[in-house]
């Protein structure tokens, strides 16, 4: 469950509250009982440093492939398929000539 920080605009009290995502935000201050409570936006406490957290990241010193490497490998495989197709055509022509 996430922890939310609230601050009262009337009396200035600030506190944290464990709440579910489905719970409605609090509106009444527990100290002064006024409806001046606001949710305080705080920065995330989780910090991701470095690369390699997602499969789409670029290659880093820790491993993984970059997008450029993937494209160059795709190009090489396409060239291999084209050369195989041309070899097959040449073999077919040679076979046809022998049969004639």
PDB file of N, CA and C in Angstrom:
ATOM      1  N   UNK A   1       0.842  -1.180   0.000  1.00  0.00           N
ATOM      2  CA  UNK A   1       0.000   0.000   0.000  1.00  0.00           C
ATOM      3  C   UNK A   1       0.886   1.241   0.000  1.00  0.00           C
ATOM      4  N   UNK A   2       0.518   2.219  -0.810  1.00  0.00           N
ATOM      5  CA  UNK A   2       1.311   3.438  -0.861  1.00  0.00           C
ATOM      6  C   UNK A   2       1.100   4.320   0.370  1.00  0.00           C
ATOM      7  N   UNK A   3       2.082   5.154   0.610  1.00  0.00           N
ATOM      8  CA  UNK A   3       2.026   6.115   1.709  1.00  0.00           C
ATOM      9  C   UNK A   3       1.831   7.495   1.097  1.00  0.00           C
ATOM     10  N   UNK A   4       0.812   8.208   1.550  1.00  0.00           N
ATOM     11  CA  UNK A   4       0.521   9.553   1.055  1.00  0.00           C
ATOM     12  C   UNK A   4       0.816  10.564   2.151  1.00  0.00           C
ATOM     13  N   UNK A   5       1.325  11.714   1.759  1.00  0.00           N
ATOM     14  CA  UNK A   5       1.595  12.804   2.695  1.00  0.00           C
ATOM     15  C   UNK A   5       0.497  13.840   2.551  1.00  0.00           C
ATOM     16  N   UNK A   6      -0.036  14.283   3.691  1.00  0.00           N
ATOM     17  CA  UNK A   6      -1.090  15.301   3.719  1.00  0.00           C
ATOM     18  C   UNK A   6      -0.623  16.489   4.547  1.00  0.00           C
ATOM     19  N   UNK A   7      -1.105  17.685   4.178  1.00  0.00           N
ATOM     20  CA  UNK A   7      -0.813  18.909   4.930  1.00  0.00           C
ATOM     21  C   UNK A   7      -2.099  19.718   5.055  1.00  0.00           C
ATOM     22  N   UNK A   8      -2.316  20.272   6.237  1.00  0.00           N
ATOM     23  CA  UNK A   8      -3.498  21.095   6.476  1.00  0.00           C
ATOM     24  C   UNK A   8      -3.146  22.546   6.182  1.00  0.00           C
ATOM     25  N   UNK A   9      -3.933  23.202   5.345  1.00  0.00           N
ATOM     26  CA  UNK A   9      -3.709  24.610   5.025  1.00  0.00           C
ATOM     27  C   UNK A   9      -4.095  25.528   6.200  1.00  0.00           C
ATOM     28  N   UNK A  10      -4.952  25.052   7.082  1.00  0.00           N
ATOM     29  CA  UNK A  10      -5.417  25.877   8.203  1.00  0.00           C
ATOM     30  C   UNK A  10      -4.412  25.891   9.359  1.00  0.00           C
ATOM     31  N   UNK A  11      -4.020  24.717   9.847  1.00  0.00           N
ATOM     32  CA  UNK A  11      -3.149  24.674  11.024  1.00  0.00           C
ATOM     33  C   UNK A  11      -1.703  24.302  10.698  1.00  0.00           C
ATOM     34  N   UNK A  12      -1.423  23.813   9.477  1.00  0.00           N
ATOM     35  CA  UNK A  12      -0.058  23.520   9.047  1.00  0.00           C
ATOM     36  C   UNK A  12       0.461  22.147   9.437  1.00  0.00           C
ATOM     37  N   UNK A  13      -0.368  21.323  10.074  1.00  0.00           N
ATOM     38  CA  UNK A  13       0.086  19.990  10.445  1.00  0.00           C
ATOM     39  C   UNK A  13       0.308  19.151   9.187  1.00  0.00           C
ATOM     40  N   UNK A  14       1.370  18.333   9.213  1.00  0.00           N
ATOM     41  CA  UNK A  14       1.689  17.467   8.070  1.00  0.00           C
ATOM     42  C   UNK A  14       1.874  16.052   8.602  1.00  0.00           C
ATOM     43  N   UNK A  15       1.304  15.057   7.893  1.00  0.00           N
ATOM     44  CA  UNK A  15       1.414  13.663   8.330  1.00  0.00           C
ATOM     45  C   UNK A  15       1.335  12.744   7.124  1.00  0.00           C
ATOM     46  N   UNK A  16       1.716  11.480   7.358  1.00  0.00           N
ATOM     47  CA  UNK A  16       1.663  10.456   6.311  1.00  0.00           C
ATOM     48  C   UNK A  16       0.581   9.457   6.660  1.00  0.00           C
ATOM     49  N   UNK A  17      -0.036   8.893   5.616  1.00  0.00           N
ATOM     50  CA  UNK A  17      -1.129   7.945   5.818  1.00  0.00           C
ATOM     51  C   UNK A  17      -1.006   6.808   4.804  1.00  0.00           C
ATOM     52  N   UNK A  18      -1.051   5.556   5.285  1.00  0.00           N
ATOM     53  CA  UNK A  18      -1.089   4.392   4.392  1.00  0.00           C
ATOM     54  C   UNK A  18      -2.511   4.270   3.873  1.00  0.00           C
ATOM     55  N   UNK A  19      -2.643   4.273   2.549  1.00  0.00           N
ATOM     56  CA  UNK A  19      -3.962   4.147   1.936  1.00  0.00           C
ATOM     57  C   UNK A  19      -3.879   3.276   0.698  1.00  0.00           C
ATOM     58  N   UNK A  20      -4.979   2.644   0.383  1.00  0.00           N
ATOM     59  CA  UNK A  20      -5.088   1.862  -0.836  1.00  0.00           C
ATOM     60  C   UNK A  20      -5.268   2.825  -2.011  1.00  0.00           C
ATOM     61  N   UNK A  21      -5.011   2.345  -3.203  1.00  0.00           N
ATOM     62  CA  UNK A  21      -5.249   3.156  -4.402  1.00  0.00           C
ATOM     63  C   UNK A  21      -6.730   3.481  -4.558  1.00  0.00           C
ATOM     64  N   UNK A  22      -7.568   2.616  -4.051  1.00  0.00           N
ATOM     65  CA  UNK A  22      -9.010   2.788  -4.205  1.00  0.00           C
ATOM     66  C   UNK A  22      -9.624   3.721  -3.156  1.00  0.00           C
ATOM     67  N   UNK A  23      -8.886   4.001  -2.070  1.00  0.00           N
ATOM     68  CA  UNK A  23      -9.405   4.893  -1.029  1.00  0.00           C
ATOM     69  C   UNK A  23      -9.500   6.331  -1.531  1.00  0.00           C
ATOM     70  N   UNK A  24     -10.530   7.026  -1.076  1.00  0.00           N
ATOM     71  CA  UNK A  24     -10.669   8.449  -1.400  1.00  0.00           C
ATOM     72  C   UNK A  24      -9.656   9.251  -0.590  1.00  0.00           C
ATOM     73  N   UNK A  25      -9.156  10.368  -1.142  1.00  0.00           N
ATOM     74  CA  UNK A  25      -8.208  11.186  -0.381  1.00  0.00           C
ATOM     75  C   UNK A  25      -8.878  11.779   0.865  1.00  0.00           C
ATOM     76  N   UNK A  26      -8.085  11.953   1.918  1.00  0.00           N
ATOM     77  CA  UNK A  26      -8.598  12.558   3.143  1.00  0.00           C
ATOM     78  C   UNK A  26      -8.872  14.032   2.908  1.00  0.00           C
ATOM     79  N   UNK A  27      -9.888  14.567   3.577  1.00  0.00           N
ATOM     80  CA  UNK A  27     -10.241  15.978   3.411  1.00  0.00           C
ATOM     81  C   UNK A  27     -10.278  16.734   4.738  1.00  0.00           C
ATOM     82  N   UNK A  28     -10.534  16.003   5.847  1.00  0.00           N
ATOM     83  CA  UNK A  28     -10.664  16.638   7.152  1.00  0.00           C
ATOM     84  C   UNK A  28      -9.383  16.460   7.956  1.00  0.00           C
ATOM     85  N   UNK A  29      -8.843  17.541   8.501  1.00  0.00           N
ATOM     86  CA  UNK A  29      -7.626  17.519   9.308  1.00  0.00           C
ATOM     87  C   UNK A  29      -7.910  16.838  10.647  1.00  0.00           C
ATOM     88  N   UNK A  30      -7.041  15.909  11.086  1.00  0.00           N
ATOM     89  CA  UNK A  30      -7.270  15.241  12.362  1.00  0.00           C
ATOM     90  C   UNK A  30      -6.995  16.154  13.572  1.00  0.00           C
ATOM     91  N   UNK A  31      -6.252  17.254  13.364  1.00  0.00           N
ATOM     92  CA  UNK A  31      -5.915  18.167  14.465  1.00  0.00           C
ATOM     93  C   UNK A  31      -6.991  19.237  14.673  1.00  0.00           C
ATOM     94  N   UNK A  32      -7.271  20.000  13.617  1.00  0.00           N
ATOM     95  CA  UNK A  32      -8.196  21.136  13.770  1.00  0.00           C
ATOM     96  C   UNK A  32      -9.612  20.835  13.268  1.00  0.00           C
ATOM     97  N   UNK A  33      -9.806  19.690  12.659  1.00  0.00           N
ATOM     98  CA  UNK A  33     -11.115  19.237  12.148  1.00  0.00           C
ATOM     99  C   UNK A  33     -11.691  20.109  11.034  1.00  0.00           C
ATOM    100  N   UNK A  34     -10.859  20.879  10.356  1.00  0.00           N
ATOM    101  CA  UNK A  34     -11.310  21.680   9.212  1.00  0.00           C
ATOM    102  C   UNK A  34     -11.081  20.889   7.930  1.00  0.00           C
ATOM    103  N   UNK A  35     -11.839  21.232   6.919  1.00  0.00           N
ATOM    104  CA  UNK A  35     -11.703  20.547   5.619  1.00  0.00           C
ATOM    105  C   UNK A  35     -10.707  21.299   4.731  1.00  0.00           C
ATOM    106  N   UNK A  36      -9.491  21.438   5.232  1.00  0.00           N
ATOM    107  CA  UNK A  36      -8.437  22.153   4.509  1.00  0.00           C
ATOM    108  C   UNK A  36      -7.242  21.237   4.216  1.00  0.00           C
ATOM    109  N   UNK A  37      -7.457  19.944   4.246  1.00  0.00           N
ATOM    110  CA  UNK A  37      -6.380  18.984   4.040  1.00  0.00           C
ATOM    111  C   UNK A  37      -6.094  18.822   2.546  1.00  0.00           C
ATOM    112  N   UNK A  38      -4.821  18.841   2.193  1.00  0.00           N
ATOM    113  CA  UNK A  38      -4.387  18.670   0.795  1.00  0.00           C
ATOM    114  C   UNK A  38      -3.309  17.603   0.733  1.00  0.00           C
ATOM    115  N   UNK A  39      -3.323  16.864  -0.353  1.00  0.00           N
ATOM    116  CA  UNK A  39      -2.286  15.867  -0.596  1.00  0.00           C
ATOM    117  C   UNK A  39      -1.021  16.586  -1.052  1.00  0.00           C
ATOM    118  N   UNK A  40       0.120  16.212  -0.477  1.00  0.00           N
ATOM    119  CA  UNK A  40       1.405  16.809  -0.837  1.00  0.00           C
ATOM    120  C   UNK A  40       2.066  15.903  -1.870  1.00  0.00           C
ATOM    121  N   UNK A  41       2.474  16.492  -2.982  1.00  0.00           N
ATOM    122  CA  UNK A  41       3.160  15.732  -4.026  1.00  0.00           C
ATOM    123  C   UNK A  41       4.634  15.655  -3.649  1.00  0.00           C
ATOM    124  N   UNK A  42       5.123  14.428  -3.489  1.00  0.00           N
ATOM    125  CA  UNK A  42       6.525  14.226  -3.128  1.00  0.00           C
ATOM    126  C   UNK A  42       7.220  13.448  -4.229  1.00  0.00           C
ATOM    127  N   UNK A  43       8.522  13.641  -4.392  1.00  0.00           N
ATOM    128  CA  UNK A  43       9.242  12.892  -5.422  1.00  0.00           C
ATOM    129  C   UNK A  43       9.292  11.399  -5.073  1.00  0.00           C
ATOM    130  N   UNK A  44       9.460  10.623  -6.096  1.00  0.00           N
ATOM    131  CA  UNK A  44       9.508   9.168  -5.930  1.00  0.00           C
ATOM    132  C   UNK A  44      10.709   8.775  -5.078  1.00  0.00           C
ATOM    133  N   UNK A  45      10.546   7.759  -4.260  1.00  0.00           N
ATOM    134  CA  UNK A  45      11.635   7.287  -3.417  1.00  0.00           C
ATOM    135  C   UNK A  45      12.444   6.195  -4.093  1.00  0.00           C
ATOM    136  N   UNK A  46      12.006   5.759  -5.265  1.00  0.00           N
ATOM    137  CA  UNK A  46      12.724   4.747  -6.025  1.00  0.00           C
ATOM    138  C   UNK A  46      13.483   5.453  -7.132  1.00  0.00           C
ATOM    139  N   UNK A  47      14.784   5.233  -7.192  1.00  0.00           N
ATOM    140  CA  UNK A  47      15.610   5.868  -8.221  1.00  0.00           C
ATOM    141  C   UNK A  47      16.322   4.772  -9.002  1.00  0.00           C
ATOM    142  N   UNK A  48      16.137   4.764 -10.318  1.00  0.00           N
ATOM    143  CA  UNK A  48      16.804   3.811 -11.194  1.00  0.00           C
ATOM    144  C   UNK A  48      18.003   4.507 -11.820  1.00  0.00           C
ATOM    145  N   UNK A  49      19.187   4.002 -11.533  1.00  0.00           N
ATOM    146  CA  UNK A  49      20.401   4.586 -12.098  1.00  0.00           C
ATOM    147  C   UNK A  49      21.003   3.592 -13.083  1.00  0.00           C
ATOM    148  N   UNK A  50      21.578   4.110 -14.152  1.00  0.00           N
ATOM    149  CA  UNK A  50      22.213   3.255 -15.138  1.00  0.00           C
ATOM    150  C   UNK A  50      21.238   2.783 -16.190  1.00  0.00           C
ATOM    151  N   UNK A  51      21.668   1.838 -16.979  1.00  0.00           N
ATOM    152  CA  UNK A  51      20.813   1.316 -18.040  1.00  0.00           C
ATOM    153  C   UNK A  51      20.622  -0.175 -17.847  1.00  0.00           C
ATOM    154  N   UNK A  52      19.800  -0.746 -18.691  1.00  0.00           N
ATOM    155  CA  UNK A  52      19.587  -2.179 -18.644  1.00  0.00           C
ATOM    156  C   UNK A  52      18.340  -2.604 -17.913  1.00  0.00           C
ATOM    157  N   UNK A  53      17.444  -1.670 -17.604  1.00  0.00           N
ATOM    158  CA  UNK A  53      16.227  -2.030 -16.905  1.00  0.00           C
ATOM    159  C   UNK A  53      15.155  -2.535 -17.863  1.00  0.00           C
ATOM    160  N   UNK A  54      15.244  -2.165 -19.118  1.00  0.00           N
ATOM    161  CA  UNK A  54      14.246  -2.562 -20.105  1.00  0.00           C
ATOM    162  C   UNK A  54      14.932  -3.203 -21.301  1.00  0.00           C
ATOM    163  N   UNK A  55      14.227  -4.059 -21.988  1.00  0.00           N
ATOM    164  CA  UNK A  55      14.782  -4.736 -23.164  1.00  0.00           C
ATOM    165  C   UNK A  55      15.049  -3.747 -24.292  1.00  0.00           C
ATOM    166  N   UNK A  56      14.398  -2.581 -24.273  1.00  0.00           N
ATOM    167  CA  UNK A  56      14.567  -1.601 -25.344  1.00  0.00           C
ATOM    168  C   UNK A  56      15.723  -0.648 -25.094  1.00  0.00           C
ATOM    169  N   UNK A  57      16.427  -0.797 -23.968  1.00  0.00           N
ATOM    170  CA  UNK A  57      17.568   0.076 -23.682  1.00  0.00           C
ATOM    171  C   UNK A  57      18.684  -0.177 -24.679  1.00  0.00           C
ATOM    172  N   UNK A  58      19.544   0.810 -24.841  1.00  0.00           N
ATOM    173  CA  UNK A  58      20.686   0.675 -25.730  1.00  0.00           C
ATOM    174  C   UNK A  58      21.776  -0.141 -25.044  1.00  0.00           C
ATOM    175  N   UNK A  59      22.694  -0.651 -25.841  1.00  0.00           N
ATOM    176  CA  UNK A  59      23.758  -1.480 -25.302  1.00  0.00           C
ATOM    177  C   UNK A  59      24.603  -0.681 -24.316  1.00  0.00           C
ATOM    178  N   UNK A  60      24.939  -1.333 -23.232  1.00  0.00           N
ATOM    179  CA  UNK A  60      25.789  -0.703 -22.238  1.00  0.00           C
ATOM    180  C   UNK A  60      26.966  -1.623 -21.956  1.00  0.00           C
ATOM    181  N   UNK A  61      27.834  -1.196 -21.080  1.00  0.00           N
ATOM    182  CA  UNK A  61      28.994  -1.999 -20.720  1.00  0.00           C
ATOM    183  C   UNK A  61      28.580  -3.302 -20.051  1.00  0.00           C
ATOM    184  N   UNK A  62      27.390  -3.339 -19.476  1.00  0.00           N
ATOM    185  CA  UNK A  62      26.930  -4.535 -18.771  1.00  0.00           C
ATOM    186  C   UNK A  62      26.384  -5.605 -19.711  1.00  0.00           C
ATOM    187  N   UNK A  63      26.196  -5.309 -20.976  1.00  0.00           N
ATOM    188  CA  UNK A  63      25.700  -6.306 -21.929  1.00  0.00           C
ATOM    189  C   UNK A  63      24.567  -5.752 -22.751  1.00  0.00           C
ATOM    190  N   UNK A  64      23.796  -6.632 -23.345  1.00  0.00           N
ATOM    191  CA  UNK A  64      22.646  -6.208 -24.144  1.00  0.00           C
ATOM    192  C   UNK A  64      23.052  -5.708 -25.521  1.00  0.00           C
ATOM    193  N   UNK A  65      22.089  -5.646 -26.432  1.00  0.00           N
ATOM    194  CA  UNK A  65      22.336  -5.194 -27.800  1.00  0.00           C
ATOM    195  C   UNK A  65      21.773  -3.800 -28.001  1.00  0.00           C
ATOM    196  N   UNK A  66      22.410  -3.048 -28.872  1.00  0.00           N
ATOM    197  CA  UNK A  66      21.870  -1.742 -29.229  1.00  0.00           C
ATOM    198  C   UNK A  66      20.939  -1.901 -30.427  1.00  0.00           C
ATOM    199  N   UNK A  67      20.157  -0.876 -30.685  1.00  0.00           N
ATOM    200  CA  UNK A  67      19.234  -0.909 -31.820  1.00  0.00           C
ATOM    201  C   UNK A  67      20.003  -0.985 -33.136  1.00  0.00           C
ATOM    202  N   UNK A  68      21.160  -0.328 -33.219  1.00  0.00           N
ATOM    203  CA  UNK A  68      21.960  -0.332 -34.438  1.00  0.00           C
ATOM    204  C   UNK A  68      22.473  -1.739 -34.751  1.00  0.00           C
ATOM    205  N   UNK A  69      22.900  -2.459 -33.707  1.00  0.00           N
ATOM    206  CA  UNK A  69      23.384  -3.818 -33.919  1.00  0.00           C
ATOM    207  C   UNK A  69      22.262  -4.725 -34.412  1.00  0.00           C
ATOM    208  N   UNK A  70      21.091  -4.562 -33.837  1.00  0.00           N
ATOM    209  CA  UNK A  70      19.956  -5.385 -34.255  1.00  0.00           C
ATOM    210  C   UNK A  70      19.627  -5.142 -35.713  1.00  0.00           C
ATOM    211  N   UNK A  71      19.632  -3.876 -36.142  1.00  0.00           N
ATOM    212  CA  UNK A  71      19.324  -3.543 -37.528  1.00  0.00           C
ATOM    213  C   UNK A  71      20.388  -4.104 -38.472  1.00  0.00           C
ATOM    214  N   UNK A  72      21.670  -4.003 -38.075  1.00  0.00           N
ATOM    215  CA  UNK A  72      22.721  -4.509 -38.958  1.00  0.00           C
ATOM    216  C   UNK A  72      22.615  -6.021 -39.093  1.00  0.00           C
ATOM    217  N   UNK A  73      22.240  -6.711 -38.022  1.00  0.00           N
ATOM    218  CA  UNK A  73      22.070  -8.161 -38.101  1.00  0.00           C
ATOM    219  C   UNK A  73      20.879  -8.518 -38.971  1.00  0.00           C
ATOM    220  N   UNK A  74      19.809  -7.726 -38.894  1.00  0.00           N
ATOM    221  CA  UNK A  74      18.641  -7.972 -39.746  1.00  0.00           C
ATOM    222  C   UNK A  74      19.025  -7.807 -41.212  1.00  0.00           C
ATOM    223  N   UNK A  75      19.817  -6.776 -41.511  1.00  0.00           N
ATOM    224  CA  UNK A  75      20.258  -6.534 -42.885  1.00  0.00           C
ATOM    225  C   UNK A  75      21.093  -7.686 -43.407  1.00  0.00           C
ATOM    226  N   UNK A  76      21.972  -8.231 -42.567  1.00  0.00           N
ATOM    227  CA  UNK A  76      22.805  -9.367 -42.973  1.00  0.00           C
ATOM    228  C   UNK A  76      21.950 -10.596 -43.256  1.00  0.00           C
ATOM    229  N   UNK A  77      20.940 -10.839 -42.414  1.00  0.00           N
ATOM    230  CA  UNK A  77      20.098 -12.014 -42.647  1.00  0.00           C
ATOM    231  C   UNK A  77      19.285 -11.856 -43.925  1.00  0.00           C
ATOM    232  N   UNK A  78      18.864 -10.617 -44.244  1.00  0.00           N
ATOM    233  CA  UNK A  78      18.137 -10.384 -45.492  1.00  0.00           C
ATOM    234  C   UNK A  78      19.029 -10.646 -46.698  1.00  0.00           C
ATOM    235  N   UNK A  79      20.299 -10.234 -46.607  1.00  0.00           N
ATOM    236  CA  UNK A  79      21.234 -10.468 -47.703  1.00  0.00           C
ATOM    237  C   UNK A  79      21.456 -11.968 -47.900  1.00  0.00           C
ATOM    238  N   UNK A  80      21.554 -12.717 -46.796  1.00  0.00           N
ATOM    239  CA  UNK A  80      21.741 -14.167 -46.896  1.00  0.00           C
ATOM    240  C   UNK A  80      20.545 -14.814 -47.585  1.00  0.00           C
ATOM    241  N   UNK A  81      19.336 -14.369 -47.229  1.00  0.00           N
ATOM    242  CA  UNK A  81      18.132 -14.926 -47.845  1.00  0.00           C
ATOM    243  C   UNK A  81      18.098 -14.623 -49.337  1.00  0.00           C
ATOM    244  N   UNK A  82      18.519 -13.414 -49.726  1.00  0.00           N
ATOM    245  CA  UNK A  82      18.550 -13.036 -51.140  1.00  0.00           C
ATOM    246  C   UNK A  82      19.552 -13.890 -51.896  1.00  0.00           C
ATOM    247  N   UNK A  83      20.729 -14.127 -51.306  1.00  0.00           N
ATOM    248  CA  UNK A  83      21.740 -14.927 -51.994  1.00  0.00           C
ATOM    249  C   UNK A  83      21.283 -16.376 -52.124  1.00  0.00           C
ATOM    250  N   UNK A  84      20.594 -16.902 -51.092  1.00  0.00           N
ATOM    251  CA  UNK A  84      20.063 -18.264 -51.184  1.00  0.00           C
ATOM    252  C   UNK A  84      19.022 -18.367 -52.288  1.00  0.00           C
ATOM    253  N   UNK A  85      18.177 -17.342 -52.416  1.00  0.00           N
ATOM    254  CA  UNK A  85      17.142 -17.343 -53.446  1.00  0.00           C
ATOM    255  C   UNK A  85      17.772 -17.310 -54.836  1.00  0.00           C
ATOM    256  N   UNK A  86      18.827 -16.507 -55.016  1.00  0.00           N
ATOM    257  CA  UNK A  86      19.482 -16.437 -56.328  1.00  0.00           C
ATOM    258  C   UNK A  86      20.194 -17.753 -56.643  1.00  0.00           C
ATOM    259  N   UNK A  87      20.780 -18.422 -55.621  1.00  0.00           N
ATOM    260  CA  UNK A  87      21.414 -19.722 -55.844  1.00  0.00           C
ATOM    261  C   UNK A  87      20.374 -20.755 -56.272  1.00  0.00           C
ATOM    262  N   UNK A  88      19.225 -20.731 -55.659  1.00  0.00           N
ATOM    263  CA  UNK A  88      18.152 -21.666 -55.998  1.00  0.00           C
ATOM    264  C   UNK A  88      17.693 -21.448 -57.432  1.00  0.00           C
ATOM    265  N   UNK A  89      17.583 -20.206 -57.859  1.00  0.00           N
ATOM    266  CA  UNK A  89      17.186 -19.897 -59.234  1.00  0.00           C
ATOM    267  C   UNK A  89      18.225 -20.406 -60.214  1.00  0.00           C
ATOM    268  N   UNK A  90      19.513 -20.219 -59.883  1.00  0.00           N
ATOM    269  CA  UNK A  90      20.585 -20.677 -60.767  1.00  0.00           C
ATOM    270  C   UNK A  90      20.567 -22.203 -60.879  1.00  0.00           C
ATOM    271  N   UNK A  91      20.346 -22.884 -59.758  1.00  0.00           N
ATOM    272  CA  UNK A  91      20.289 -24.345 -59.781  1.00  0.00           C
ATOM    273  C   UNK A  91      19.102 -24.822 -60.615  1.00  0.00           C
ATOM    274  N   UNK A  92      17.981 -24.138 -60.529  1.00  0.00           N
ATOM    275  CA  UNK A  92      16.800 -24.508 -61.294  1.00  0.00           C
ATOM    276  C   UNK A  92      17.071 -24.374 -62.783  1.00  0.00           C
ATOM    277  N   UNK A  93      17.728 -23.267 -63.195  1.00  0.00           N
ATOM    278  CA  UNK A  93      18.061 -23.056 -64.602  1.00  0.00           C
ATOM    279  C   UNK A  93      18.997 -24.133 -65.108  1.00  0.00           C
ATOM    280  N   UNK A  94      20.002 -24.495 -64.277  1.00  0.00           N
ATOM    281  CA  UNK A  94      20.959 -25.525 -64.669  1.00  0.00           C
ATOM    282  C   UNK A  94      20.261 -26.865 -64.831  1.00  0.00           C
ATOM    283  N   UNK A  95      19.385 -27.195 -63.948  1.00  0.00           N
ATOM    284  CA  UNK A  95      18.629 -28.441 -64.013  1.00  0.00           C
ATOM    285  C   UNK A  95      17.749 -28.480 -65.249  1.00  0.00           C
ATOM    286  N   UNK A  96      17.134 -27.344 -65.603  1.00  0.00           N
ATOM    287  CA  UNK A  96      16.277 -27.286 -66.775  1.00  0.00           C
ATOM    288  C   UNK A  96      17.080 -27.496 -68.047  1.00  0.00           C
ATOM    289  N   UNK A  97      18.290 -26.918 -68.101  1.00  0.00           N
ATOM    290  CA  UNK A  97      19.128 -27.078 -69.293  1.00  0.00           C
ATOM    291  C   UNK A  97      19.555 -28.530 -69.459  1.00  0.00           C
ATOM    292  N   UNK A  98      19.867 -29.218 -68.347  1.00  0.00           N
ATOM    293  CA  UNK A  98      20.299 -30.612 -68.416  1.00  0.00           C
ATOM    294  C   UNK A  98      19.156 -31.499 -68.893  1.00  0.00           C
ATOM    295  N   UNK A  99      17.938 -31.175 -68.489  1.00  0.00           N
ATOM    296  CA  UNK A  99      16.788 -31.988 -68.849  1.00  0.00           C
ATOM    297  C   UNK A  99      16.417 -31.793 -70.324  1.00  0.00           C
ATOM    298  N   UNK A 100      16.777 -30.687 -70.912  1.00  0.00           N
ATOM    299  CA  UNK A 100      16.425 -30.441 -72.327  1.00  0.00           C
ATOM    300  C   UNK A 100      17.247 -31.216 -73.226  1.00  0.00           C
TER     301      UNK A 100
END
